[in-house]
Amino acid sequence: TPIDWVILLTMLVLAATGAISVFCAYLAGATSHVSEEGDANDIATGNAVSAIGITALTVLYFLTVMGLSLPNYLRLRGAVARLRAQSDDDDLILIGVDDHVANIKMD
């Protein structure tokens, strides 16, 4: 179902975000526990890769979730439109009521 895909995709995005963060930490030289000043270029590169990677992943996630939700939304709108086409001025759907009443009277 689409919700299962959304849950799976959320977990994958979470894991990918963590991987990007670890990769960027290595790029920036921020993996040492000793307090050393890193190279400014390495830090800027790590920050840029992180910003671009996380933003691209977020946009991809959003577009994928919207793509998975769109068919259900269109199906819902179609069902509502078909019901509205069958209703009268009071928003009642009376199709089959006369047959049902006739069957009750026959019994």
PDB file of N, CA and C in Angstrom:
ATOM      1  N   THR A   1       0.848  -1.187   0.000  1.00  0.00           N
ATOM      2  CA  THR A   1       0.000   0.000   0.000  1.00  0.00           C
ATOM      3  C   THR A   1       0.886   1.240   0.000  1.00  0.00           C
ATOM      4  N   PRO A   2       0.325   2.357  -0.419  1.00  0.00           N
ATOM      5  CA  PRO A   2       1.135   3.591  -0.453  1.00  0.00           C
ATOM      6  C   PRO A   2       1.692   3.998   0.907  1.00  0.00           C
ATOM      7  N   ILE A   3       0.939   3.773   1.977  1.00  0.00           N
ATOM      8  CA  ILE A   3       1.451   4.182   3.296  1.00  0.00           C
ATOM      9  C   ILE A   3       2.653   3.330   3.692  1.00  0.00           C
ATOM     10  N   ASP A   4       2.669   2.057   3.278  1.00  0.00           N
ATOM     11  CA  ASP A   4       3.845   1.223   3.548  1.00  0.00           C
ATOM     12  C   ASP A   4       5.070   1.760   2.829  1.00  0.00           C
ATOM     13  N   TRP A   5       4.870   2.219   1.598  1.00  0.00           N
ATOM     14  CA  TRP A   5       5.990   2.796   0.843  1.00  0.00           C
ATOM     15  C   TRP A   5       6.476   4.086   1.481  1.00  0.00           C
ATOM     16  N   VAL A   6       5.548   4.883   2.016  1.00  0.00           N
ATOM     17  CA  VAL A   6       5.934   6.131   2.683  1.00  0.00           C
ATOM     18  C   VAL A   6       6.755   5.826   3.927  1.00  0.00           C
ATOM     19  N   ILE A   7       6.333   4.824   4.698  1.00  0.00           N
ATOM     20  CA  ILE A   7       7.083   4.452   5.903  1.00  0.00           C
ATOM     21  C   ILE A   7       8.468   3.943   5.523  1.00  0.00           C
ATOM     22  N   LEU A   8       8.543   3.081   4.508  1.00  0.00           N
ATOM     23  CA  LEU A   8       9.836   2.560   4.060  1.00  0.00           C
ATOM     24  C   LEU A   8      10.731   3.685   3.549  1.00  0.00           C
ATOM     25  N   LEU A   9      10.154   4.577   2.771  1.00  0.00           N
ATOM     26  CA  LEU A   9      10.920   5.697   2.234  1.00  0.00           C
ATOM     27  C   LEU A   9      11.421   6.607   3.351  1.00  0.00           C
ATOM     28  N   THR A  10      10.604   6.814   4.373  1.00  0.00           N
ATOM     29  CA  THR A  10      11.016   7.636   5.513  1.00  0.00           C
ATOM     30  C   THR A  10      12.225   7.015   6.215  1.00  0.00           C
ATOM     31  N   MET A  11      12.190   5.717   6.399  1.00  0.00           N
ATOM     32  CA  MET A  11      13.328   5.035   7.039  1.00  0.00           C
ATOM     33  C   MET A  11      14.578   5.121   6.160  1.00  0.00           C
ATOM     34  N   LEU A  12      14.430   4.956   4.869  1.00  0.00           N
ATOM     35  CA  LEU A  12      15.574   5.060   3.961  1.00  0.00           C
ATOM     36  C   LEU A  12      16.163   6.468   3.954  1.00  0.00           C
ATOM     37  N   VAL A  13      15.300   7.469   3.961  1.00  0.00           N
ATOM     38  CA  VAL A  13      15.772   8.856   3.982  1.00  0.00           C
ATOM     39  C   VAL A  13      16.488   9.148   5.294  1.00  0.00           C
ATOM     40  N   LEU A  14      15.967   8.625   6.389  1.00  0.00           N
ATOM     41  CA  LEU A  14      16.623   8.812   7.680  1.00  0.00           C
ATOM     42  C   LEU A  14      18.019   8.189   7.673  1.00  0.00           C
ATOM     43  N   ALA A  15      18.132   6.986   7.142  1.00  0.00           N
ATOM     44  CA  ALA A  15      19.437   6.324   7.073  1.00  0.00           C
ATOM     45  C   ALA A  15      20.384   7.066   6.127  1.00  0.00           C
ATOM     46  N   ALA A  16      19.867   7.514   4.986  1.00  0.00           N
ATOM     47  CA  ALA A  16      20.707   8.243   4.030  1.00  0.00           C
ATOM     48  C   ALA A  16      21.175   9.574   4.615  1.00  0.00           C
ATOM     49  N   THR A  17      20.311  10.231   5.379  1.00  0.00           N
ATOM     50  CA  THR A  17      20.689  11.487   6.014  1.00  0.00           C
ATOM     51  C   THR A  17      21.833  11.264   7.005  1.00  0.00           C
ATOM     52  N   GLY A  18      21.753  10.192   7.772  1.00  0.00           N
ATOM     53  CA  GLY A  18      22.839   9.865   8.694  1.00  0.00           C
ATOM     54  C   GLY A  18      24.134   9.569   7.958  1.00  0.00           C
ATOM     55  N   ALA A  19      24.036   8.847   6.847  1.00  0.00           N
ATOM     56  CA  ALA A  19      25.228   8.538   6.055  1.00  0.00           C
ATOM     57  C   ALA A  19      25.850   9.808   5.480  1.00  0.00           C
ATOM     58  N   ILE A  20      25.011  10.701   4.994  1.00  0.00           N
ATOM     59  CA  ILE A  20      25.515  11.981   4.461  1.00  0.00           C
ATOM     60  C   ILE A  20      26.206  12.775   5.568  1.00  0.00           C
ATOM     61  N   SER A  21      25.617  12.785   6.747  1.00  0.00           N
ATOM     62  CA  SER A  21      26.208  13.521   7.872  1.00  0.00           C
ATOM     63  C   SER A  21      27.575  12.957   8.252  1.00  0.00           C
ATOM     64  N   VAL A  22      27.693  11.634   8.302  1.00  0.00           N
ATOM     65  CA  VAL A  22      28.981  11.010   8.635  1.00  0.00           C
ATOM     66  C   VAL A  22      30.002  11.314   7.544  1.00  0.00           C
ATOM     67  N   PHE A  23      29.599  11.206   6.290  1.00  0.00           N
ATOM     68  CA  PHE A  23      30.493  11.515   5.170  1.00  0.00           C
ATOM     69  C   PHE A  23      30.987  12.962   5.242  1.00  0.00           C
ATOM     70  N   CYS A  24      30.080  13.871   5.552  1.00  0.00           N
ATOM     71  CA  CYS A  24      30.454  15.290   5.637  1.00  0.00           C
ATOM     72  C   CYS A  24      31.377  15.557   6.824  1.00  0.00           C
ATOM     73  N   ALA A  25      31.187  14.808   7.909  1.00  0.00           N
ATOM     74  CA  ALA A  25      32.089  14.949   9.054  1.00  0.00           C
ATOM     75  C   ALA A  25      33.500  14.512   8.669  1.00  0.00           C
ATOM     76  N   TYR A  26      33.613  13.436   7.912  1.00  0.00           N
ATOM     77  CA  TYR A  26      34.933  13.001   7.443  1.00  0.00           C
ATOM     78  C   TYR A  26      35.534  14.025   6.486  1.00  0.00           C
ATOM     79  N   LEU A  27      34.683  14.578   5.612  1.00  0.00           N
ATOM     80  CA  LEU A  27      35.186  15.612   4.694  1.00  0.00           C
ATOM     81  C   LEU A  27      35.719  16.819   5.451  1.00  0.00           C
ATOM     82  N   ALA A  28      35.037  17.205   6.506  1.00  0.00           N
ATOM     83  CA  ALA A  28      35.418  18.393   7.267  1.00  0.00           C
ATOM     84  C   ALA A  28      36.539  18.106   8.265  1.00  0.00           C
ATOM     85  N   GLY A  29      36.912  16.841   8.406  1.00  0.00           N
ATOM     86  CA  GLY A  29      37.963  16.500   9.358  1.00  0.00           C
ATOM     87  C   GLY A  29      37.490  16.600  10.788  1.00  0.00           C
ATOM     88  N   ALA A  30      36.212  16.374  11.024  1.00  0.00           N
ATOM     89  CA  ALA A  30      35.644  16.529  12.368  1.00  0.00           C
ATOM     90  C   ALA A  30      35.472  15.187  13.055  1.00  0.00           C
ATOM     91  N   THR A  31      36.339  14.232  12.757  1.00  0.00           N
ATOM     92  CA  THR A  31      36.202  12.916  13.363  1.00  0.00           C
ATOM     93  C   THR A  31      37.164  12.671  14.513  1.00  0.00           C
ATOM     94  N   SER A  32      38.033  13.614  14.768  1.00  0.00           N
ATOM     95  CA  SER A  32      39.005  13.457  15.844  1.00  0.00           C
ATOM     96  C   SER A  32      38.398  13.944  17.156  1.00  0.00           C
ATOM     97  N   HIS A  33      38.686  13.227  18.229  1.00  0.00           N
ATOM     98  CA  HIS A  33      38.196  13.639  19.550  1.00  0.00           C
ATOM     99  C   HIS A  33      39.120  14.667  20.194  1.00  0.00           C
ATOM    100  N   VAL A  34      40.258  14.882  19.569  1.00  0.00           N
ATOM    101  CA  VAL A  34      41.203  15.876  20.063  1.00  0.00           C
ATOM    102  C   VAL A  34      40.799  17.224  19.491  1.00  0.00           C
ATOM    103  N   SER A  35      40.798  18.228  20.311  1.00  0.00           N
ATOM    104  CA  SER A  35      40.375  19.554  19.882  1.00  0.00           C
ATOM    105  C   SER A  35      41.432  20.185  18.978  1.00  0.00           C
ATOM    106  N   GLU A  36      41.252  19.984  17.691  1.00  0.00           N
ATOM    107  CA  GLU A  36      42.155  20.590  16.713  1.00  0.00           C
ATOM    108  C   GLU A  36      41.337  21.430  15.745  1.00  0.00           C
ATOM    109  N   GLU A  37      41.928  22.522  15.346  1.00  0.00           N
ATOM    110  CA  GLU A  37      41.262  23.352  14.347  1.00  0.00           C
ATOM    111  C   GLU A  37      41.404  22.679  12.980  1.00  0.00           C
ATOM    112  N   GLY A  38      40.293  22.522  12.273  1.00  0.00           N
ATOM    113  CA  GLY A  38      40.328  21.913  10.958  1.00  0.00           C
ATOM    114  C   GLY A  38      40.629  22.951   9.895  1.00  0.00           C
ATOM    115  N   ASP A  39      40.903  22.454   8.718  1.00  0.00           N
ATOM    116  CA  ASP A  39      41.155  23.328   7.581  1.00  0.00           C
ATOM    117  C   ASP A  39      39.839  24.000   7.189  1.00  0.00           C
ATOM    118  N   ALA A  40      39.880  25.301   6.968  1.00  0.00           N
ATOM    119  CA  ALA A  40      38.658  26.050   6.643  1.00  0.00           C
ATOM    120  C   ALA A  40      38.033  25.559   5.346  1.00  0.00           C
ATOM    121  N   ASN A  41      38.869  25.196   4.365  1.00  0.00           N
ATOM    122  CA  ASN A  41      38.328  24.677   3.102  1.00  0.00           C
ATOM    123  C   ASN A  41      37.616  23.346   3.310  1.00  0.00           C
ATOM    124  N   ASP A  42      38.176  22.479   4.139  1.00  0.00           N
ATOM    125  CA  ASP A  42      37.543  21.184   4.411  1.00  0.00           C
ATOM    126  C   ASP A  42      36.205  21.370   5.118  1.00  0.00           C
ATOM    127  N   ILE A  43      36.172  22.283   6.049  1.00  0.00           N
ATOM    128  CA  ILE A  43      34.924  22.550   6.779  1.00  0.00           C
ATOM    129  C   ILE A  43      33.879  23.132   5.835  1.00  0.00           C
ATOM    130  N   ALA A  44      34.273  24.068   5.001  1.00  0.00           N
ATOM    131  CA  ALA A  44      33.330  24.661   4.042  1.00  0.00           C
ATOM    132  C   ALA A  44      32.834  23.612   3.057  1.00  0.00           C
ATOM    133  N   THR A  45      33.718  22.722   2.610  1.00  0.00           N
ATOM    134  CA  THR A  45      33.313  21.658   1.690  1.00  0.00           C
ATOM    135  C   THR A  45      32.328  20.709   2.360  1.00  0.00           C
ATOM    136  N   GLY A  46      32.619  20.308   3.585  1.00  0.00           N
ATOM    137  CA  GLY A  46      31.706  19.434   4.329  1.00  0.00           C
ATOM    138  C   GLY A  46      30.349  20.066   4.536  1.00  0.00           C
ATOM    139  N   ASN A  47      30.329  21.355   4.883  1.00  0.00           N
ATOM    140  CA  ASN A  47      29.056  22.067   5.072  1.00  0.00           C
ATOM    141  C   ASN A  47      28.281  22.180   3.770  1.00  0.00           C
ATOM    142  N   ALA A  48      28.978  22.452   2.676  1.00  0.00           N
ATOM    143  CA  ALA A  48      28.307  22.587   1.379  1.00  0.00           C
ATOM    144  C   ALA A  48      27.725  21.256   0.929  1.00  0.00           C
ATOM    145  N   VAL A  49      28.506  20.178   1.063  1.00  0.00           N
ATOM    146  CA  VAL A  49      28.003  18.859   0.681  1.00  0.00           C
ATOM    147  C   VAL A  49      26.801  18.476   1.542  1.00  0.00           C
ATOM    148  N   SER A  50      26.884  18.778   2.821  1.00  0.00           N
ATOM    149  CA  SER A  50      25.768  18.486   3.716  1.00  0.00           C
ATOM    150  C   SER A  50      24.523  19.271   3.326  1.00  0.00           C
ATOM    151  N   ALA A  51      24.669  20.562   3.093  1.00  0.00           N
ATOM    152  CA  ALA A  51      23.520  21.394   2.750  1.00  0.00           C
ATOM    153  C   ALA A  51      22.884  20.949   1.436  1.00  0.00           C
ATOM    154  N   ILE A  52      23.703  20.691   0.440  1.00  0.00           N
ATOM    155  CA  ILE A  52      23.166  20.283  -0.868  1.00  0.00           C
ATOM    156  C   ILE A  52      22.579  18.881  -0.791  1.00  0.00           C
ATOM    157  N   GLY A  53      23.298  17.953  -0.145  1.00  0.00           N
ATOM    158  CA  GLY A  53      22.827  16.575  -0.066  1.00  0.00           C
ATOM    159  C   GLY A  53      21.532  16.433   0.707  1.00  0.00           C
ATOM    160  N   ILE A  54      21.445  17.056   1.868  1.00  0.00           N
ATOM    161  CA  ILE A  54      20.234  16.957   2.696  1.00  0.00           C
ATOM    162  C   ILE A  54      19.065  17.656   2.013  1.00  0.00           C
ATOM    163  N   THR A  55      19.325  18.801   1.386  1.00  0.00           N
ATOM    164  CA  THR A  55      18.246  19.516   0.677  1.00  0.00           C
ATOM    165  C   THR A  55      17.736  18.693  -0.496  1.00  0.00           C
ATOM    166  N   ALA A  56      18.641  18.118  -1.273  1.00  0.00           N
ATOM    167  CA  ALA A  56      18.220  17.297  -2.413  1.00  0.00           C
ATOM    168  C   ALA A  56      17.447  16.073  -1.944  1.00  0.00           C
ATOM    169  N   LEU A  57      17.891  15.467  -0.865  1.00  0.00           N
ATOM    170  CA  LEU A  57      17.199  14.298  -0.326  1.00  0.00           C
ATOM    171  C   LEU A  57      15.803  14.674   0.187  1.00  0.00           C
ATOM    172  N   THR A  58      15.687  15.816   0.824  1.00  0.00           N
ATOM    173  CA  THR A  58      14.386  16.274   1.312  1.00  0.00           C
ATOM    174  C   THR A  58      13.430  16.555   0.162  1.00  0.00           C
ATOM    175  N   VAL A  59      13.907  17.205  -0.879  1.00  0.00           N
ATOM    176  CA  VAL A  59      13.062  17.489  -2.042  1.00  0.00           C
ATOM    177  C   VAL A  59      12.641  16.193  -2.724  1.00  0.00           C
ATOM    178  N   LEU A  60      13.565  15.270  -2.885  1.00  0.00           N
ATOM    179  CA  LEU A  60      13.247  13.978  -3.490  1.00  0.00           C
ATOM    180  C   LEU A  60      12.220  13.228  -2.654  1.00  0.00           C
ATOM    181  N   TYR A  61      12.367  13.252  -1.341  1.00  0.00           N
ATOM    182  CA  TYR A  61      11.416  12.604  -0.441  1.00  0.00           C
ATOM    183  C   TYR A  61      10.027  13.232  -0.584  1.00  0.00           C
ATOM    184  N   PHE A  62       9.964  14.558  -0.555  1.00  0.00           N
ATOM    185  CA  PHE A  62       8.679  15.255  -0.662  1.00  0.00           C
ATOM    186  C   PHE A  62       7.991  14.929  -1.986  1.00  0.00           C
ATOM    187  N   LEU A  63       8.734  14.987  -3.082  1.00  0.00           N
ATOM    188  CA  LEU A  63       8.140  14.713  -4.393  1.00  0.00           C
ATOM    189  C   LEU A  63       7.668  13.265  -4.502  1.00  0.00           C
ATOM    190  N   THR A  64       8.424  12.342  -3.920  1.00  0.00           N
ATOM    191  CA  THR A  64       8.022  10.943  -3.955  1.00  0.00           C
ATOM    192  C   THR A  64       6.762  10.703  -3.136  1.00  0.00           C
ATOM    193  N   VAL A  65       6.683  11.295  -1.958  1.00  0.00           N
ATOM    194  CA  VAL A  65       5.481  11.141  -1.131  1.00  0.00           C
ATOM    195  C   VAL A  65       4.272  11.753  -1.828  1.00  0.00           C
ATOM    196  N   MET A  66       4.459  12.905  -2.450  1.00  0.00           N
ATOM    197  CA  MET A  66       3.345  13.513  -3.190  1.00  0.00           C
ATOM    198  C   MET A  66       2.952  12.640  -4.378  1.00  0.00           C
ATOM    199  N   GLY A  67       3.928  12.053  -5.052  1.00  0.00           N
ATOM    200  CA  GLY A  67       3.639  11.158  -6.171  1.00  0.00           C
ATOM    201  C   GLY A  67       2.887   9.915  -5.737  1.00  0.00           C
ATOM    202  N   LEU A  68       3.204   9.395  -4.551  1.00  0.00           N
ATOM    203  CA  LEU A  68       2.481   8.239  -4.037  1.00  0.00           C
ATOM    204  C   LEU A  68       1.075   8.608  -3.573  1.00  0.00           C
ATOM    205  N   SER A  69       0.882   9.831  -3.117  1.00  0.00           N
ATOM    206  CA  SER A  69      -0.414  10.274  -2.614  1.00  0.00           C
ATOM    207  C   SER A  69      -1.358  10.717  -3.728  1.00  0.00           C
ATOM    208  N   LEU A  70      -0.823  11.155  -4.838  1.00  0.00           N
ATOM    209  CA  LEU A  70      -1.649  11.711  -5.914  1.00  0.00           C
ATOM    210  C   LEU A  70      -2.681  10.724  -6.459  1.00  0.00           C
ATOM    211  N   PRO A  71      -2.346   9.462  -6.760  1.00  0.00           N
ATOM    212  CA  PRO A  71      -3.376   8.550  -7.275  1.00  0.00           C
ATOM    213  C   PRO A  71      -4.533   8.345  -6.304  1.00  0.00           C
ATOM    214  N   ASN A  72      -4.236   8.252  -5.005  1.00  0.00           N
ATOM    215  CA  ASN A  72      -5.318   8.107  -4.023  1.00  0.00           C
ATOM    216  C   ASN A  72      -6.196   9.346  -3.978  1.00  0.00           C
ATOM    217  N   TYR A  73      -5.584  10.513  -4.063  1.00  0.00           N
ATOM    218  CA  TYR A  73      -6.346  11.762  -4.051  1.00  0.00           C
ATOM    219  C   TYR A  73      -7.250  11.846  -5.286  1.00  0.00           C
ATOM    220  N   LEU A  74      -6.722  11.500  -6.437  1.00  0.00           N
ATOM    221  CA  LEU A  74      -7.526  11.542  -7.661  1.00  0.00           C
ATOM    222  C   LEU A  74      -8.658  10.519  -7.611  1.00  0.00           C
ATOM    223  N   ARG A  75      -8.393   9.340  -7.052  1.00  0.00           N
ATOM    224  CA  ARG A  75      -9.430   8.324  -6.916  1.00  0.00           C
ATOM    225  C   ARG A  75     -10.534   8.814  -5.975  1.00  0.00           C
ATOM    226  N   LEU A  76     -10.161   9.477  -4.894  1.00  0.00           N
ATOM    227  CA  LEU A  76     -11.128  10.027  -3.949  1.00  0.00           C
ATOM    228  C   LEU A  76     -11.992  11.095  -4.613  1.00  0.00           C
ATOM    229  N   ARG A  77     -11.339  11.995  -5.363  1.00  0.00           N
ATOM    230  CA  ARG A  77     -12.112  13.047  -6.043  1.00  0.00           C
ATOM    231  C   ARG A  77     -13.077  12.465  -7.059  1.00  0.00           C
ATOM    232  N   GLY A  78     -12.663  11.421  -7.772  1.00  0.00           N
ATOM    233  CA  GLY A  78     -13.541  10.766  -8.745  1.00  0.00           C
ATOM    234  C   GLY A  78     -14.734  10.116  -8.067  1.00  0.00           C
ATOM    235  N   ALA A  79     -14.501   9.458  -6.931  1.00  0.00           N
ATOM    236  CA  ALA A  79     -15.594   8.814  -6.197  1.00  0.00           C
ATOM    237  C   ALA A  79     -16.592   9.846  -5.683  1.00  0.00           C
ATOM    238  N   VAL A  80     -16.087  10.951  -5.168  1.00  0.00           N
ATOM    239  CA  VAL A  80     -16.969  12.014  -4.672  1.00  0.00           C
ATOM    240  C   VAL A  80     -17.763  12.615  -5.829  1.00  0.00           C
ATOM    241  N   ALA A  81     -17.122  12.811  -6.970  1.00  0.00           N
ATOM    242  CA  ALA A  81     -17.827  13.370  -8.139  1.00  0.00           C
ATOM    243  C   ALA A  81     -18.919  12.423  -8.617  1.00  0.00           C
ATOM    244  N   ARG A  82     -18.652  11.112  -8.619  1.00  0.00           N
ATOM    245  CA  ARG A  82     -19.682  10.151  -9.032  1.00  0.00           C
ATOM    246  C   ARG A  82     -20.844  10.149  -8.055  1.00  0.00           C
ATOM    247  N   LEU A  83     -20.562  10.250  -6.763  1.00  0.00           N
ATOM    248  CA  LEU A  83     -21.646  10.309  -5.780  1.00  0.00           C
ATOM    249  C   LEU A  83     -22.468  11.586  -5.928  1.00  0.00           C
ATOM    250  N   ARG A  84     -21.797  12.695  -6.157  1.00  0.00           N
ATOM    251  CA  ARG A  84     -22.531  13.956  -6.342  1.00  0.00           C
ATOM    252  C   ARG A  84     -23.398  13.919  -7.594  1.00  0.00           C
ATOM    253  N   ALA A  85     -22.945  13.228  -8.624  1.00  0.00           N
ATOM    254  CA  ALA A  85     -23.729  13.120  -9.853  1.00  0.00           C
ATOM    255  C   ALA A  85     -24.989  12.290  -9.630  1.00  0.00           C
ATOM    256  N   GLN A  86     -24.964  11.381  -8.677  1.00  0.00           N
ATOM    257  CA  GLN A  86     -26.124  10.537  -8.400  1.00  0.00           C
ATOM    258  C   GLN A  86     -27.081  11.162  -7.395  1.00  0.00           C
ATOM    259  N   SER A  87     -26.695  12.240  -6.727  1.00  0.00           N
ATOM    260  CA  SER A  87     -27.533  12.820  -5.677  1.00  0.00           C
ATOM    261  C   SER A  87     -28.510  13.831  -6.259  1.00  0.00           C
ATOM    262  N   ASP A  88     -29.574  14.070  -5.482  1.00  0.00           N
ATOM    263  CA  ASP A  88     -30.577  15.059  -5.908  1.00  0.00           C
ATOM    264  C   ASP A  88     -30.273  16.412  -5.260  1.00  0.00           C
ATOM    265  N   ASP A  89     -31.244  17.310  -5.285  1.00  0.00           N
ATOM    266  CA  ASP A  89     -31.019  18.656  -4.754  1.00  0.00           C
ATOM    267  C   ASP A  89     -30.762  18.665  -3.240  1.00  0.00           C
ATOM    268  N   ASP A  90     -31.266  17.660  -2.537  1.00  0.00           N
ATOM    269  CA  ASP A  90     -31.072  17.587  -1.085  1.00  0.00           C
ATOM    270  C   ASP A  90     -29.843  16.770  -0.703  1.00  0.00           C
ATOM    271  N   ASP A  91     -28.985  16.462  -1.674  1.00  0.00           N
ATOM    272  CA  ASP A  91     -27.794  15.638  -1.472  1.00  0.00           C
ATOM    273  C   ASP A  91     -28.123  14.238  -0.978  1.00  0.00           C
ATOM    274  N   LEU A  92     -29.260  13.700  -1.420  1.00  0.00           N
ATOM    275  CA  LEU A  92     -29.645  12.331  -1.091  1.00  0.00           C
ATOM    276  C   LEU A  92     -29.467  11.465  -2.332  1.00  0.00           C
ATOM    277  N   ILE A  93     -28.985  10.265  -2.144  1.00  0.00           N
ATOM    278  CA  ILE A  93     -28.851   9.314  -3.237  1.00  0.00           C
ATOM    279  C   ILE A  93     -30.000   8.325  -3.103  1.00  0.00           C
ATOM    280  N   LEU A  94     -30.926   8.370  -4.044  1.00  0.00           N
ATOM    281  CA  LEU A  94     -32.143   7.574  -3.955  1.00  0.00           C
ATOM    282  C   LEU A  94     -32.152   6.412  -4.939  1.00  0.00           C
ATOM    283  N   ILE A  95     -31.036   6.104  -5.545  1.00  0.00           N
ATOM    284  CA  ILE A  95     -30.981   5.007  -6.507  1.00  0.00           C
ATOM    285  C   ILE A  95     -31.191   3.691  -5.770  1.00  0.00           C
ATOM    286  N   GLY A  96     -32.141   2.914  -6.218  1.00  0.00           N
ATOM    287  CA  GLY A  96     -32.426   1.621  -5.613  1.00  0.00           C
ATOM    288  C   GLY A  96     -33.415   1.670  -4.472  1.00  0.00           C
ATOM    289  N   VAL A  97     -33.822   2.843  -4.030  1.00  0.00           N
ATOM    290  CA  VAL A  97     -34.748   2.943  -2.892  1.00  0.00           C
ATOM    291  C   VAL A  97     -36.124   2.410  -3.283  1.00  0.00           C
ATOM    292  N   ASP A  98     -36.605   2.764  -4.483  1.00  0.00           N
ATOM    293  CA  ASP A  98     -37.931   2.305  -4.917  1.00  0.00           C
ATOM    294  C   ASP A  98     -37.971   0.781  -5.018  1.00  0.00           C
ATOM    295  N   ASP A  99     -36.907   0.175  -5.544  1.00  0.00           N
ATOM    296  CA  ASP A  99     -36.850  -1.286  -5.633  1.00  0.00           C
ATOM    297  C   ASP A  99     -36.840  -1.912  -4.248  1.00  0.00           C
ATOM    298  N   HIS A 100     -36.107  -1.320  -3.339  1.00  0.00           N
ATOM    299  CA  HIS A 100     -36.028  -1.840  -1.978  1.00  0.00           C
ATOM    300  C   HIS A 100     -37.384  -1.757  -1.286  1.00  0.00           C
ATOM    301  N   VAL A 101     -38.076  -0.639  -1.425  1.00  0.00           N
ATOM    302  CA  VAL A 101     -39.405  -0.470  -0.830  1.00  0.00           C
ATOM    303  C   VAL A 101     -40.379  -1.473  -1.437  1.00  0.00           C
ATOM    304  N   ALA A 102     -40.295  -1.680  -2.753  1.00  0.00           N
ATOM    305  CA  ALA A 102     -41.177  -2.652  -3.425  1.00  0.00           C
ATOM    306  C   ALA A 102     -40.911  -4.066  -2.906  1.00  0.00           C
ATOM    307  N   ASN A 103     -39.659  -4.415  -2.676  1.00  0.00           N
ATOM    308  CA  ASN A 103     -39.339  -5.748  -2.127  1.00  0.00           C
ATOM    309  C   ASN A 103     -39.869  -5.908  -0.716  1.00  0.00           C
ATOM    310  N   ILE A 104     -39.827  -4.827   0.063  1.00  0.00           N
ATOM    311  CA  ILE A 104     -40.358  -4.895   1.432  1.00  0.00           C
ATOM    312  C   ILE A 104     -41.863  -5.100   1.393  1.00  0.00           C
ATOM    313  N   LYS A 105     -42.542  -4.384   0.475  1.00  0.00           N
ATOM    314  CA  LYS A 105     -44.004  -4.508   0.378  1.00  0.00           C
ATOM    315  C   LYS A 105     -44.412  -5.900  -0.086  1.00  0.00           C
ATOM    316  N   MET A 106     -43.575  -6.510  -0.972  1.00  0.00           N
ATOM    317  CA  MET A 106     -43.900  -7.850  -1.457  1.00  0.00           C
ATOM    318  C   MET A 106     -43.784  -8.882  -0.321  1.00  0.00           C
ATOM    319  N   ASP A 107     -42.841  -8.655   0.593  1.00  0.00           N
ATOM    320  CA  ASP A 107     -42.655  -9.604   1.701  1.00  0.00           C
ATOM    321  C   ASP A 107     -43.798  -9.450   2.680  1.00  0.00           C
TER     322      ASP A 107
END
